[in-house]
Amino acid sequence: MNKIIITAGLLFGSLLSGASYAHFSTIECNDCSASQRLQQADTNLIDQAHESIFVVDFVNHSVSKFQADGEVVKAVTMTLSENIDINHKYNHRKTFLHSVNAD
């Protein structure tokens, strides 16, 4: 009985994590400086009305998270699970992206 409950819990948890995985937005900005990443995030957050966006740089193997705070877009620190989700999304590229922490 306990194995059934544990299995059902794991299955349900994987379904929830897959749902959250599908709801984040990424843009690609290869070999970008910090100001270029901010500009890309600013443009895309305004145009698409997302609450946060991830800027992926495959040349430098990095990813940055940006959020809109009213009219101001700022870099924020990513969680470990967000970093794992981003790497899972781009697993087909056979590269590992590390998060660039907010200043």
Protein backbone atom coordinates (compact mmCIF):
# COMPACT_ATOMS: atom_id res chain seq x y z
CA MET A 1 0.00 0.00 0.00
CA ASN A 2 2.82 2.41 0.89
CA LYS A 3 4.53 1.74 -2.45
CA ILE A 4 1.36 2.68 -4.31
CA ILE A 5 1.07 5.97 -2.41
CA ILE A 6 4.73 6.81 -2.99
CA THR A 7 4.49 5.94 -6.69
CA ALA A 8 1.33 8.01 -7.10
CA GLY A 9 2.98 10.93 -5.31
CA LEU A 10 6.04 10.78 -7.55
CA LEU A 11 3.89 10.56 -10.67
CA PHE A 12 1.78 13.51 -9.58
CA GLY A 13 4.89 15.52 -8.70
CA SER A 14 6.42 14.87 -12.10
CA LEU A 15 3.24 16.07 -13.79
CA LEU A 16 3.30 19.30 -11.79
CA SER A 17 6.96 19.94 -12.53
CA GLY A 18 6.31 19.41 -16.23
CA ALA A 19 3.50 21.95 -16.14
CA SER A 20 5.69 24.58 -14.54
CA TYR A 21 8.49 23.75 -16.96
CA ALA A 22 6.31 24.66 -19.92
CA HIS A 23 5.41 28.12 -18.60
CA PHE A 24 8.74 29.93 -18.58
CA SER A 25 9.91 32.12 -21.41
CA THR A 26 13.45 32.17 -22.79
CA ILE A 27 15.23 34.24 -25.40
CA GLU A 28 18.61 33.62 -26.95
CA CYS A 29 21.34 36.26 -26.86
CA ASN A 30 24.71 34.71 -27.71
CA ASP A 31 27.95 36.38 -26.61
CA CYS A 32 26.03 39.28 -25.05
CA SER A 33 27.29 41.69 -22.43
CA ALA A 34 25.32 42.35 -19.25
CA SER A 35 23.80 45.50 -20.75
CA GLN A 36 22.79 43.64 -23.93
CA ARG A 37 21.12 40.89 -21.87
CA LEU A 38 19.22 43.55 -19.92
CA GLN A 39 18.15 45.27 -23.14
CA GLN A 40 16.89 41.99 -24.62
CA ALA A 41 14.97 41.19 -21.44
CA ASP A 42 13.51 44.71 -21.27
CA THR A 43 12.27 44.54 -24.85
CA ASN A 44 10.75 41.09 -24.47
CA LEU A 45 9.15 41.68 -21.07
CA ILE A 46 7.39 44.78 -22.39
CA ASP A 47 6.30 43.16 -25.67
CA GLN A 48 5.14 39.85 -24.24
CA ALA A 49 3.93 40.89 -20.77
CA HIS A 50 5.67 38.01 -18.92
CA GLU A 51 6.43 38.29 -15.24
CA SER A 52 9.97 36.98 -15.78
CA ILE A 53 12.18 35.98 -18.68
CA PHE A 54 15.40 33.99 -19.04
CA VAL A 55 18.15 35.17 -21.38
CA VAL A 56 20.21 32.23 -22.61
CA ASP A 57 23.78 32.61 -23.90
CA PHE A 58 25.11 29.40 -25.48
CA VAL A 59 28.50 30.91 -26.38
CA ASN A 60 29.30 31.74 -22.74
CA HIS A 61 27.25 28.80 -21.35
CA SER A 62 25.17 31.07 -19.12
CA VAL A 63 21.59 32.02 -18.38
CA SER A 64 20.22 35.10 -16.63
CA LYS A 65 16.80 35.74 -15.13
CA PHE A 66 15.09 39.12 -15.37
CA GLN A 67 11.85 40.39 -13.84
CA ALA A 68 9.83 43.53 -14.31
CA ASP A 69 9.36 45.64 -11.18
CA GLY A 70 6.79 48.11 -12.44
CA GLU A 71 8.47 49.91 -15.34
CA VAL A 72 11.98 48.79 -14.32
CA VAL A 73 13.47 45.50 -15.51
CA LYS A 74 16.13 44.07 -13.25
CA ALA A 75 18.26 40.94 -12.99
CA VAL A 76 17.28 38.57 -10.21
CA THR A 77 18.83 35.41 -8.82
CA MET A 78 17.64 32.12 -10.29
CA THR A 79 16.63 29.16 -8.19
CA LEU A 80 18.36 25.83 -8.62
CA SER A 81 15.16 24.27 -9.99
CA GLU A 82 14.88 27.02 -12.63
CA ASN A 83 18.45 26.35 -13.70
CA ILE A 84 17.74 22.63 -13.93
CA ASP A 85 14.57 23.29 -15.96
CA ILE A 86 16.45 25.53 -18.41
CA ASN A 87 19.16 22.91 -18.87
CA HIS A 88 16.50 20.25 -19.36
CA LYS A 89 14.78 22.36 -22.02
CA TYR A 90 18.04 22.74 -23.97
CA ASN A 91 19.31 19.21 -23.31
CA HIS A 92 19.42 18.56 -27.07
CA ARG A 93 22.29 21.08 -27.37
CA LYS A 94 24.53 18.91 -25.19
CA THR A 95 25.71 21.86 -23.09
CA PHE A 96 25.34 22.89 -19.47
CA LEU A 97 24.23 26.46 -18.77
CA HIS A 98 25.16 28.03 -15.45
CA SER A 99 23.20 30.88 -13.91
CA VAL A 100 24.63 34.37 -13.83
CA ASN A 101 23.70 35.77 -10.43
CA ALA A 102 22.09 39.16 -10.10
CA ASP A 103 24.36 42.01 -9.06
